């Protein structure tokens, strides 16, 4: 397996496919999954001639289950070390859900020449938790319930989430895929319970407002209008107002997991954005 070892001794698993001289697309997975979440995108863009890279966040998938480091700044440090180890320049960074938060903070702080564009899909920014400055956010009790479910029976919780709201399989008329549900469960259970527990705070309480304002490269924001995990009204509809060079595209009836359930549509839109004025 391909690994880098971070400065704190944590081994991070990554995939790196395609010509090293090709334009690179770096995929950042959501909670509590792994780089396997991006299988349909990585194969598609590999066949389009791109170099595709994805890593398992520490504590997730095949990466080490470290004792700590499960906060957004720590994750971004890991990404920075991976990008430097692979010598990636002018890369396009694509993040889903919590991975969208990771992309936002990384791109805002990246050294010049590292990032060409970014894509946020069903992403958590600006901030999920309700507060005086974010009255449309979700109450702390929602995330406390996540933590309680992880602690009491993670295996059951990790069946309930993909079987219901994540892919919209709880909606009337939904075409439920047991394979998709089991693949979500498989990825989740590969990771560590401490990482999954600690990450609830990271994805719900991290405020990305200043990061969004700081990003100068073009950003494509994609969101399903029926996203039951990261409600669009308090995420993408706010993020697009903070971005200097952002484009918003929403999808009626699509769920949080639309990059899996509607991969053909999402891949097409990603390709159009990436190929449009790629040199700028």
C-alpha atoms as a PDB file:
ATOM      1  CA  UNK A   1       0.000   0.000   0.000  1.00  0.00           C
ATOM      2  CA  UNK A   2       1.117   3.556  -0.713  1.00  0.00           C
ATOM      3  CA  UNK A   3       1.761   5.493   2.490  1.00  0.00           C
ATOM      4  CA  UNK A   4       3.387   8.662   3.697  1.00  0.00           C
ATOM      5  CA  UNK A   5       4.455   9.091   7.298  1.00  0.00           C
ATOM      6  CA  UNK A   6       3.578  12.478   8.750  1.00  0.00           C
ATOM      7  CA  UNK A   7       5.846  14.466  11.044  1.00  0.00           C
ATOM      8  CA  UNK A   8       3.991  13.107  14.082  1.00  0.00           C
ATOM      9  CA  UNK A   9       4.564   9.519  12.913  1.00  0.00           C
ATOM     10  CA  UNK A  10       1.080   8.780  11.542  1.00  0.00           C
ATOM     11  CA  UNK A  11       0.942   6.742   8.341  1.00  0.00           C
ATOM     12  CA  UNK A  12      -1.526   8.100   5.772  1.00  0.00           C
ATOM     13  CA  UNK A  13      -2.744   5.800   2.994  1.00  0.00           C
ATOM     14  CA  UNK A  14      -3.204   7.303  -0.451  1.00  0.00           C
ATOM     15  CA  UNK A  15      -3.987   6.389  -4.059  1.00  0.00           C
ATOM     16  CA  UNK A  16      -2.072   8.070  -6.871  1.00  0.00           C
ATOM     17  CA  UNK A  17      -3.080   6.948 -10.355  1.00  0.00           C
ATOM     18  CA  UNK A  18      -2.297   8.267 -13.819  1.00  0.00           C
ATOM     19  CA  UNK A  19       0.577  10.119 -15.489  1.00  0.00           C
ATOM     20  CA  UNK A  20       2.648  12.160 -13.041  1.00  0.00           C
ATOM     21  CA  UNK A  21       2.843  14.928 -15.637  1.00  0.00           C
ATOM     22  CA  UNK A  22      -0.952  15.188 -16.035  1.00  0.00           C
ATOM     23  CA  UNK A  23      -3.185  17.707 -14.293  1.00  0.00           C
ATOM     24  CA  UNK A  24      -3.917  16.369 -10.816  1.00  0.00           C
ATOM     25  CA  UNK A  25      -7.295  16.095  -9.119  1.00  0.00           C
ATOM     26  CA  UNK A  26      -7.185  15.470  -5.359  1.00  0.00           C
ATOM     27  CA  UNK A  27     -10.307  13.992  -3.743  1.00  0.00           C
ATOM     28  CA  UNK A  28     -11.156  14.486  -0.047  1.00  0.00           C
ATOM     29  CA  UNK A  29     -13.711  12.066   1.416  1.00  0.00           C
ATOM     30  CA  UNK A  30     -16.543  12.708   3.838  1.00  0.00           C
ATOM     31  CA  UNK A  31     -17.142  11.381   7.351  1.00  0.00           C
ATOM     32  CA  UNK A  32     -16.827   8.506   8.295  1.00  0.00           C
ATOM     33  CA  UNK A  33     -15.730   7.082   4.951  1.00  0.00           C
ATOM     34  CA  UNK A  34     -12.460   6.606   3.062  1.00  0.00           C
ATOM     35  CA  UNK A  35     -10.914   7.383  -0.306  1.00  0.00           C
ATOM     36  CA  UNK A  36     -13.044   4.531  -1.690  1.00  0.00           C
ATOM     37  CA  UNK A  37     -15.975   6.963  -1.611  1.00  0.00           C
ATOM     38  CA  UNK A  38     -14.491   8.436  -4.792  1.00  0.00           C
ATOM     39  CA  UNK A  39     -14.165   5.209  -6.820  1.00  0.00           C
ATOM     40  CA  UNK A  40     -16.582   6.341  -9.543  1.00  0.00           C
ATOM     41  CA  UNK A  41     -14.910   9.732  -9.884  1.00  0.00           C
ATOM     42  CA  UNK A  42     -11.327   8.469  -9.790  1.00  0.00           C
ATOM     43  CA  UNK A  43     -11.864   5.877 -12.497  1.00  0.00           C
ATOM     44  CA  UNK A  44     -13.762   8.356 -14.684  1.00  0.00           C
ATOM     45  CA  UNK A  45     -11.119  11.082 -14.466  1.00  0.00           C
ATOM     46  CA  UNK A  46      -8.279   8.600 -14.867  1.00  0.00           C
ATOM     47  CA  UNK A  47      -9.874   7.579 -18.159  1.00  0.00           C
ATOM     48  CA  UNK A  48     -10.041  11.264 -19.121  1.00  0.00           C
ATOM     49  CA  UNK A  49      -6.260  11.523 -18.832  1.00  0.00           C
ATOM     50  CA  UNK A  50      -5.948  13.118 -15.399  1.00  0.00           C
ATOM     51  CA  UNK A  51      -3.744  12.176 -12.472  1.00  0.00           C
ATOM     52  CA  UNK A  52      -6.092  11.283  -9.610  1.00  0.00           C
ATOM     53  CA  UNK A  53      -5.126  11.283  -5.939  1.00  0.00           C
ATOM     54  CA  UNK A  54      -7.131  10.454  -2.816  1.00  0.00           C
ATOM     55  CA  UNK A  55      -6.135   9.677   0.765  1.00  0.00           C
ATOM     56  CA  UNK A  56      -7.734   8.090   3.792  1.00  0.00           C
ATOM     57  CA  UNK A  57      -7.931  10.753   6.496  1.00  0.00           C
ATOM     58  CA  UNK A  58      -6.084   9.759   9.669  1.00  0.00           C
ATOM     59  CA  UNK A  59      -8.243   7.392  11.713  1.00  0.00           C
ATOM     60  CA  UNK A  60     -10.190   6.421   8.599  1.00  0.00           C
ATOM     61  CA  UNK A  61      -9.852   3.588   6.113  1.00  0.00           C
ATOM     62  CA  UNK A  62      -6.320   2.198   5.883  1.00  0.00           C
ATOM     63  CA  UNK A  63      -4.555   5.101   7.586  1.00  0.00           C
ATOM     64  CA  UNK A  64      -3.273   4.825  11.141  1.00  0.00           C
ATOM     65  CA  UNK A  65      -5.697   5.257  14.017  1.00  0.00           C
ATOM     66  CA  UNK A  66      -3.623   7.836  15.863  1.00  0.00           C
ATOM     67  CA  UNK A  67      -4.340   8.897  19.431  1.00  0.00           C
ATOM     68  CA  UNK A  68      -5.164  12.446  18.357  1.00  0.00           C
ATOM     69  CA  UNK A  69      -5.015  15.003  15.603  1.00  0.00           C
ATOM     70  CA  UNK A  70      -8.709  14.764  14.758  1.00  0.00           C
ATOM     71  CA  UNK A  71      -9.358  18.446  14.287  1.00  0.00           C
ATOM     72  CA  UNK A  72      -9.499  20.385  11.039  1.00  0.00           C
ATOM     73  CA  UNK A  73      -6.097  22.019  11.377  1.00  0.00           C
ATOM     74  CA  UNK A  74      -4.530  18.603  11.944  1.00  0.00           C
ATOM     75  CA  UNK A  75      -6.223  17.160   8.867  1.00  0.00           C
ATOM     76  CA  UNK A  76      -5.045  20.089   6.754  1.00  0.00           C
ATOM     77  CA  UNK A  77      -1.496  19.573   8.001  1.00  0.00           C
ATOM     78  CA  UNK A  78      -1.720  15.958   6.793  1.00  0.00           C
ATOM     79  CA  UNK A  79      -2.973  17.119   3.386  1.00  0.00           C
ATOM     80  CA  UNK A  80      -0.165  19.654   3.135  1.00  0.00           C
ATOM     81  CA  UNK A  81       2.423  16.956   3.827  1.00  0.00           C
ATOM     82  CA  UNK A  82       0.825  14.637   1.260  1.00  0.00           C
ATOM     83  CA  UNK A  83       0.740  17.340  -1.419  1.00  0.00           C
ATOM     84  CA  UNK A  84       4.382  18.176  -0.799  1.00  0.00           C
ATOM     85  CA  UNK A  85       5.446  14.513  -0.804  1.00  0.00           C
ATOM     86  CA  UNK A  86       3.725  13.949  -4.162  1.00  0.00           C
ATOM     87  CA  UNK A  87       4.978  17.288  -5.501  1.00  0.00           C
ATOM     88  CA  UNK A  88       1.511  18.336  -6.644  1.00  0.00           C
ATOM     89  CA  UNK A  89       1.186  21.745  -8.272  1.00  0.00           C
ATOM     90  CA  UNK A  90      -1.826  23.559  -9.729  1.00  0.00           C
ATOM     91  CA  UNK A  91      -4.046  20.714  -8.531  1.00  0.00           C
ATOM     92  CA  UNK A  92      -7.831  20.712  -8.409  1.00  0.00           C
ATOM     93  CA  UNK A  93      -9.092  19.799  -4.928  1.00  0.00           C
ATOM     94  CA  UNK A  94     -12.549  18.210  -4.626  1.00  0.00           C
ATOM     95  CA  UNK A  95     -14.167  17.655  -1.236  1.00  0.00           C
ATOM     96  CA  UNK A  96     -17.453  16.115  -0.116  1.00  0.00           C
ATOM     97  CA  UNK A  97     -19.198  16.951   3.166  1.00  0.00           C
ATOM     98  CA  UNK A  98     -16.515  17.105   5.873  1.00  0.00           C
ATOM     99  CA  UNK A  99     -13.973  16.731   3.077  1.00  0.00           C
ATOM    100  CA  UNK A 100     -15.341  19.984   1.688  1.00  0.00           C
ATOM    101  CA  UNK A 101     -14.376  21.659   4.937  1.00  0.00           C
ATOM    102  CA  UNK A 102     -10.915  20.142   4.653  1.00  0.00           C
ATOM    103  CA  UNK A 103     -10.597  21.489   1.102  1.00  0.00           C
ATOM    104  CA  UNK A 104     -11.809  24.931   2.149  1.00  0.00           C
ATOM    105  CA  UNK A 105      -9.240  25.331   4.893  1.00  0.00           C
ATOM    106  CA  UNK A 106      -6.422  23.773   2.881  1.00  0.00           C
ATOM    107  CA  UNK A 107      -7.026  25.916  -0.205  1.00  0.00           C
ATOM    108  CA  UNK A 108      -7.287  29.068   1.888  1.00  0.00           C
ATOM    109  CA  UNK A 109      -3.862  28.388   3.397  1.00  0.00           C
ATOM    110  CA  UNK A 110      -2.054  26.647   0.540  1.00  0.00           C
ATOM    111  CA  UNK A 111       1.214  28.012  -0.803  1.00  0.00           C
ATOM    112  CA  UNK A 112       0.992  29.838  -4.151  1.00  0.00           C
ATOM    113  CA  UNK A 113       1.043  27.479  -7.103  1.00  0.00           C
ATOM    114  CA  UNK A 114      -0.340  24.466  -5.250  1.00  0.00           C
ATOM    115  CA  UNK A 115      -4.018  24.897  -6.121  1.00  0.00           C
ATOM    116  CA  UNK A 116      -5.681  25.776  -9.431  1.00  0.00           C
ATOM    117  CA  UNK A 117      -9.342  25.249  -8.533  1.00  0.00           C
ATOM    118  CA  UNK A 118     -11.566  23.745  -5.859  1.00  0.00           C
ATOM    119  CA  UNK A 119     -14.920  21.975  -5.729  1.00  0.00           C
ATOM    120  CA  UNK A 120     -17.198  21.679  -2.691  1.00  0.00           C
ATOM    121  CA  UNK A 121     -19.898  18.991  -2.852  1.00  0.00           C
ATOM    122  CA  UNK A 122     -22.555  18.927  -0.130  1.00  0.00           C
ATOM    123  CA  UNK A 123     -19.907  20.599   2.014  1.00  0.00           C
ATOM    124  CA  UNK A 124     -20.193  21.633   5.672  1.00  0.00           C
ATOM    125  CA  UNK A 125     -18.912  25.257   5.416  1.00  0.00           C
ATOM    126  CA  UNK A 126     -19.426  27.902   6.596  1.00  0.00           C
ATOM    127  CA  UNK A 127     -20.378  26.221   9.934  1.00  0.00           C
ATOM    128  CA  UNK A 128     -23.032  23.672  10.861  1.00  0.00           C
ATOM    129  CA  UNK A 129     -23.642  24.430  14.557  1.00  0.00           C
ATOM    130  CA  UNK A 130     -26.269  26.980  15.536  1.00  0.00           C
ATOM    131  CA  UNK A 131     -25.061  30.138  17.260  1.00  0.00           C
ATOM    132  CA  UNK A 132     -25.940  33.804  17.582  1.00  0.00           C
ATOM    133  CA  UNK A 133     -24.026  34.452  14.350  1.00  0.00           C
ATOM    134  CA  UNK A 134     -25.423  31.337  12.652  1.00  0.00           C
ATOM    135  CA  UNK A 135     -29.104  31.211  13.629  1.00  0.00           C
ATOM    136  CA  UNK A 136     -29.982  28.770  10.848  1.00  0.00           C
ATOM    137  CA  UNK A 137     -27.565  26.106  12.078  1.00  0.00           C
ATOM    138  CA  UNK A 138     -28.324  22.790  13.722  1.00  0.00           C
ATOM    139  CA  UNK A 139     -28.557  22.545  17.526  1.00  0.00           C
ATOM    140  CA  UNK A 140     -25.808  20.876  19.554  1.00  0.00           C
ATOM    141  CA  UNK A 141     -28.262  18.143  20.537  1.00  0.00           C
ATOM    142  CA  UNK A 142     -28.205  16.789  16.967  1.00  0.00           C
ATOM    143  CA  UNK A 143     -24.459  16.218  17.127  1.00  0.00           C
ATOM    144  CA  UNK A 144     -24.647  14.885  20.682  1.00  0.00           C
ATOM    145  CA  UNK A 145     -27.027  12.251  19.309  1.00  0.00           C
ATOM    146  CA  UNK A 146     -24.412  11.358  16.683  1.00  0.00           C
ATOM    147  CA  UNK A 147     -21.802  10.900  19.397  1.00  0.00           C
ATOM    148  CA  UNK A 148     -24.149   8.825  21.542  1.00  0.00           C
ATOM    149  CA  UNK A 149     -24.999   6.557  18.606  1.00  0.00           C
ATOM    150  CA  UNK A 150     -21.325   6.049  17.770  1.00  0.00           C
ATOM    151  CA  UNK A 151     -20.475   5.199  21.369  1.00  0.00           C
ATOM    152  CA  UNK A 152     -23.404   2.855  21.960  1.00  0.00           C
ATOM    153  CA  UNK A 153     -23.453   0.821  18.714  1.00  0.00           C
ATOM    154  CA  UNK A 154     -21.490   2.217  15.812  1.00  0.00           C
ATOM    155  CA  UNK A 155     -22.182  -0.792  13.578  1.00  0.00           C
ATOM    156  CA  UNK A 156     -25.936  -0.251  13.748  1.00  0.00           C
ATOM    157  CA  UNK A 157     -25.655   3.522  13.344  1.00  0.00           C
ATOM    158  CA  UNK A 158     -23.504   3.007  10.266  1.00  0.00           C
ATOM    159  CA  UNK A 159     -26.295   0.966   8.708  1.00  0.00           C
ATOM    160  CA  UNK A 160     -29.040   3.413   9.646  1.00  0.00           C
ATOM    161  CA  UNK A 161     -27.370   6.474   8.089  1.00  0.00           C
ATOM    162  CA  UNK A 162     -26.852   5.134   4.537  1.00  0.00           C
ATOM    163  CA  UNK A 163     -30.119   3.194   4.638  1.00  0.00           C
ATOM    164  CA  UNK A 164     -31.973   6.444   5.284  1.00  0.00           C
ATOM    165  CA  UNK A 165     -31.023  10.106   4.918  1.00  0.00           C
ATOM    166  CA  UNK A 166     -27.508   9.956   3.428  1.00  0.00           C
ATOM    167  CA  UNK A 167     -28.649   8.725   0.000  1.00  0.00           C
ATOM    168  CA  UNK A 168     -32.290   9.727   0.365  1.00  0.00           C
ATOM    169  CA  UNK A 169     -33.317   6.075   0.563  1.00  0.00           C
ATOM    170  CA  UNK A 170     -35.945   7.098   3.132  1.00  0.00           C
ATOM    171  CA  UNK A 171     -37.817   9.098   0.481  1.00  0.00           C
ATOM    172  CA  UNK A 172     -40.932   7.735  -1.181  1.00  0.00           C
ATOM    173  CA  UNK A 173     -40.104   6.065  -4.480  1.00  0.00           C
ATOM    174  CA  UNK A 174     -36.360   5.927  -3.855  1.00  0.00           C
ATOM    175  CA  UNK A 175     -34.438   3.182  -5.644  1.00  0.00           C
ATOM    176  CA  UNK A 176     -32.663   1.632  -2.666  1.00  0.00           C
ATOM    177  CA  UNK A 177     -29.306  -0.043  -3.358  1.00  0.00           C
ATOM    178  CA  UNK A 178     -28.158  -2.571  -0.778  1.00  0.00           C
ATOM    179  CA  UNK A 179     -24.719  -2.579  -2.384  1.00  0.00           C
ATOM    180  CA  UNK A 180     -24.328   1.159  -1.825  1.00  0.00           C
ATOM    181  CA  UNK A 181     -25.496   0.799   1.789  1.00  0.00           C
ATOM    182  CA  UNK A 182     -23.088  -2.042   2.490  1.00  0.00           C
ATOM    183  CA  UNK A 183     -20.206  -0.220   0.848  1.00  0.00           C
ATOM    184  CA  UNK A 184     -20.845   2.813   3.090  1.00  0.00           C
ATOM    185  CA  UNK A 185     -20.918   0.516   6.136  1.00  0.00           C
ATOM    186  CA  UNK A 186     -17.728  -1.227   5.013  1.00  0.00           C
ATOM    187  CA  UNK A 187     -15.837   2.030   4.675  1.00  0.00           C
ATOM    188  CA  UNK A 188     -17.104   3.347   7.993  1.00  0.00           C
ATOM    189  CA  UNK A 189     -16.235   0.253   9.973  1.00  0.00           C
ATOM    190  CA  UNK A 190     -12.677   0.243   8.575  1.00  0.00           C
ATOM    191  CA  UNK A 191     -12.012   3.433  10.524  1.00  0.00           C
ATOM    192  CA  UNK A 192     -11.509   3.979  14.234  1.00  0.00           C
ATOM    193  CA  UNK A 193     -14.257   4.783  16.697  1.00  0.00           C
ATOM    194  CA  UNK A 194     -12.217   7.527  18.386  1.00  0.00           C
ATOM    195  CA  UNK A 195     -11.622   9.266  15.063  1.00  0.00           C
ATOM    196  CA  UNK A 196     -15.293   9.055  14.161  1.00  0.00           C
ATOM    197  CA  UNK A 197     -16.351  10.334  17.581  1.00  0.00           C
ATOM    198  CA  UNK A 198     -13.878  13.231  17.633  1.00  0.00           C
ATOM    199  CA  UNK A 199     -14.661  14.209  14.047  1.00  0.00           C
ATOM    200  CA  UNK A 200     -18.249  15.063  14.940  1.00  0.00           C
ATOM    201  CA  UNK A 201     -16.908  18.163  16.696  1.00  0.00           C
ATOM    202  CA  UNK A 202     -14.538  18.902  13.810  1.00  0.00           C
ATOM    203  CA  UNK A 203     -17.205  18.878  11.103  1.00  0.00           C
ATOM    204  CA  UNK A 204     -19.976  20.514  13.142  1.00  0.00           C
ATOM    205  CA  UNK A 205     -18.199  23.257  15.078  1.00  0.00           C
ATOM    206  CA  UNK A 206     -15.352  24.409  12.815  1.00  0.00           C
ATOM    207  CA  UNK A 207     -16.073  27.856  11.393  1.00  0.00           C
ATOM    208  CA  UNK A 208     -14.815  28.208   7.814  1.00  0.00           C
ATOM    209  CA  UNK A 209     -16.104  31.736   7.234  1.00  0.00           C
ATOM    210  CA  UNK A 210     -12.680  33.375   7.077  1.00  0.00           C
ATOM    211  CA  UNK A 211     -11.318  30.529   4.939  1.00  0.00           C
ATOM    212  CA  UNK A 212     -14.041  31.002   2.347  1.00  0.00           C
ATOM    213  CA  UNK A 213     -13.325  34.727   2.201  1.00  0.00           C
ATOM    214  CA  UNK A 214      -9.604  34.099   1.756  1.00  0.00           C
ATOM    215  CA  UNK A 215      -9.852  31.734  -1.233  1.00  0.00           C
ATOM    216  CA  UNK A 216      -8.904  33.393  -4.511  1.00  0.00           C
ATOM    217  CA  UNK A 217      -9.012  30.481  -6.984  1.00  0.00           C
ATOM    218  CA  UNK A 218     -12.261  29.510  -8.782  1.00  0.00           C
ATOM    219  CA  UNK A 219     -14.559  27.353  -6.657  1.00  0.00           C
ATOM    220  CA  UNK A 220     -17.493  25.253  -7.856  1.00  0.00           C
ATOM    221  CA  UNK A 221     -20.124  24.636  -5.183  1.00  0.00           C
ATOM    222  CA  UNK A 222     -22.470  21.683  -5.796  1.00  0.00           C
ATOM    223  CA  UNK A 223     -25.356  20.745  -3.506  1.00  0.00           C
ATOM    224  CA  UNK A 224     -28.407  18.529  -3.571  1.00  0.00           C
ATOM    225  CA  UNK A 225     -31.570  20.421  -2.759  1.00  0.00           C
ATOM    226  CA  UNK A 226     -32.878  17.434  -0.760  1.00  0.00           C
ATOM    227  CA  UNK A 227     -29.694  17.022   1.290  1.00  0.00           C
ATOM    228  CA  UNK A 228     -30.856  15.771   4.704  1.00  0.00           C
ATOM    229  CA  UNK A 229     -27.351  15.603   6.216  1.00  0.00           C
ATOM    230  CA  UNK A 230     -25.973  19.058   5.391  1.00  0.00           C
ATOM    231  CA  UNK A 231     -29.002  21.288   4.761  1.00  0.00           C
ATOM    232  CA  UNK A 232     -28.360  23.508   1.754  1.00  0.00           C
ATOM    233  CA  UNK A 233     -29.857  26.668   3.273  1.00  0.00           C
ATOM    234  CA  UNK A 234     -27.201  26.867   5.989  1.00  0.00           C
ATOM    235  CA  UNK A 235     -24.256  25.676   3.929  1.00  0.00           C
ATOM    236  CA  UNK A 236     -23.806  26.205   0.204  1.00  0.00           C
ATOM    237  CA  UNK A 237     -26.309  29.062  -0.047  1.00  0.00           C
ATOM    238  CA  UNK A 238     -24.213  30.920   2.529  1.00  0.00           C
ATOM    239  CA  UNK A 239     -20.794  29.805   1.293  1.00  0.00           C
ATOM    240  CA  UNK A 240     -21.378  31.116  -2.208  1.00  0.00           C
ATOM    241  CA  UNK A 241     -21.891  34.619  -0.781  1.00  0.00           C
ATOM    242  CA  UNK A 242     -18.487  34.494   0.915  1.00  0.00           C
ATOM    243  CA  UNK A 243     -16.443  33.232  -2.025  1.00  0.00           C
ATOM    244  CA  UNK A 244     -14.689  35.747  -4.278  1.00  0.00           C
ATOM    245  CA  UNK A 245     -14.842  33.537  -7.362  1.00  0.00           C
ATOM    246  CA  UNK A 246     -17.546  30.963  -6.740  1.00  0.00           C
ATOM    247  CA  UNK A 247     -20.134  29.234  -8.916  1.00  0.00           C
ATOM    248  CA  UNK A 248     -23.149  27.518  -7.367  1.00  0.00           C
ATOM    249  CA  UNK A 249     -25.058  24.640  -8.954  1.00  0.00           C
ATOM    250  CA  UNK A 250     -27.890  22.893  -7.140  1.00  0.00           C
ATOM    251  CA  UNK A 251     -29.771  19.702  -7.983  1.00  0.00           C
ATOM    252  CA  UNK A 252     -33.504  19.354  -7.274  1.00  0.00           C
ATOM    253  CA  UNK A 253     -34.300  16.154  -5.375  1.00  0.00           C
ATOM    254  CA  UNK A 254     -30.656  15.046  -5.029  1.00  0.00           C
ATOM    255  CA  UNK A 255     -29.375  13.734  -1.700  1.00  0.00           C
ATOM    256  CA  UNK A 256     -26.176  14.201   0.279  1.00  0.00           C
ATOM    257  CA  UNK A 257     -24.677  11.176  -1.454  1.00  0.00           C
ATOM    258  CA  UNK A 258     -25.389  12.381  -4.975  1.00  0.00           C
ATOM    259  CA  UNK A 259     -21.810  11.840  -6.173  1.00  0.00           C
ATOM    260  CA  UNK A 260     -22.536   8.116  -5.781  1.00  0.00           C
ATOM    261  CA  UNK A 261     -26.196   7.880  -6.753  1.00  0.00           C
ATOM    262  CA  UNK A 262     -25.836  10.308  -9.678  1.00  0.00           C
ATOM    263  CA  UNK A 263     -22.166   9.906 -10.515  1.00  0.00           C
ATOM    264  CA  UNK A 264     -22.729  10.394 -14.242  1.00  0.00           C
ATOM    265  CA  UNK A 265     -24.268  13.838 -13.708  1.00  0.00           C
ATOM    266  CA  UNK A 266     -21.750  14.972 -11.111  1.00  0.00           C
ATOM    267  CA  UNK A 267     -18.777  13.713 -13.132  1.00  0.00           C
ATOM    268  CA  UNK A 268     -19.998  15.578 -16.195  1.00  0.00           C
ATOM    269  CA  UNK A 269     -20.320  18.840 -14.282  1.00  0.00           C
ATOM    270  CA  UNK A 270     -16.947  18.396 -12.599  1.00  0.00           C
ATOM    271  CA  UNK A 271     -15.287  17.778 -15.955  1.00  0.00           C
ATOM    272  CA  UNK A 272     -16.863  20.870 -17.493  1.00  0.00           C
ATOM    273  CA  UNK A 273     -15.641  23.037 -14.612  1.00  0.00           C
ATOM    274  CA  UNK A 274     -12.142  21.566 -14.610  1.00  0.00           C
ATOM    275  CA  UNK A 275     -11.659  21.853 -18.357  1.00  0.00           C
ATOM    276  CA  UNK A 276     -13.032  25.378 -18.610  1.00  0.00           C
ATOM    277  CA  UNK A 277     -10.088  27.813 -18.647  1.00  0.00           C
ATOM    278  CA  UNK A 278      -7.962  25.259 -16.791  1.00  0.00           C
ATOM    279  CA  UNK A 279      -4.831  27.312 -17.357  1.00  0.00           C
ATOM    280  CA  UNK A 280      -6.124  30.348 -15.451  1.00  0.00           C
END
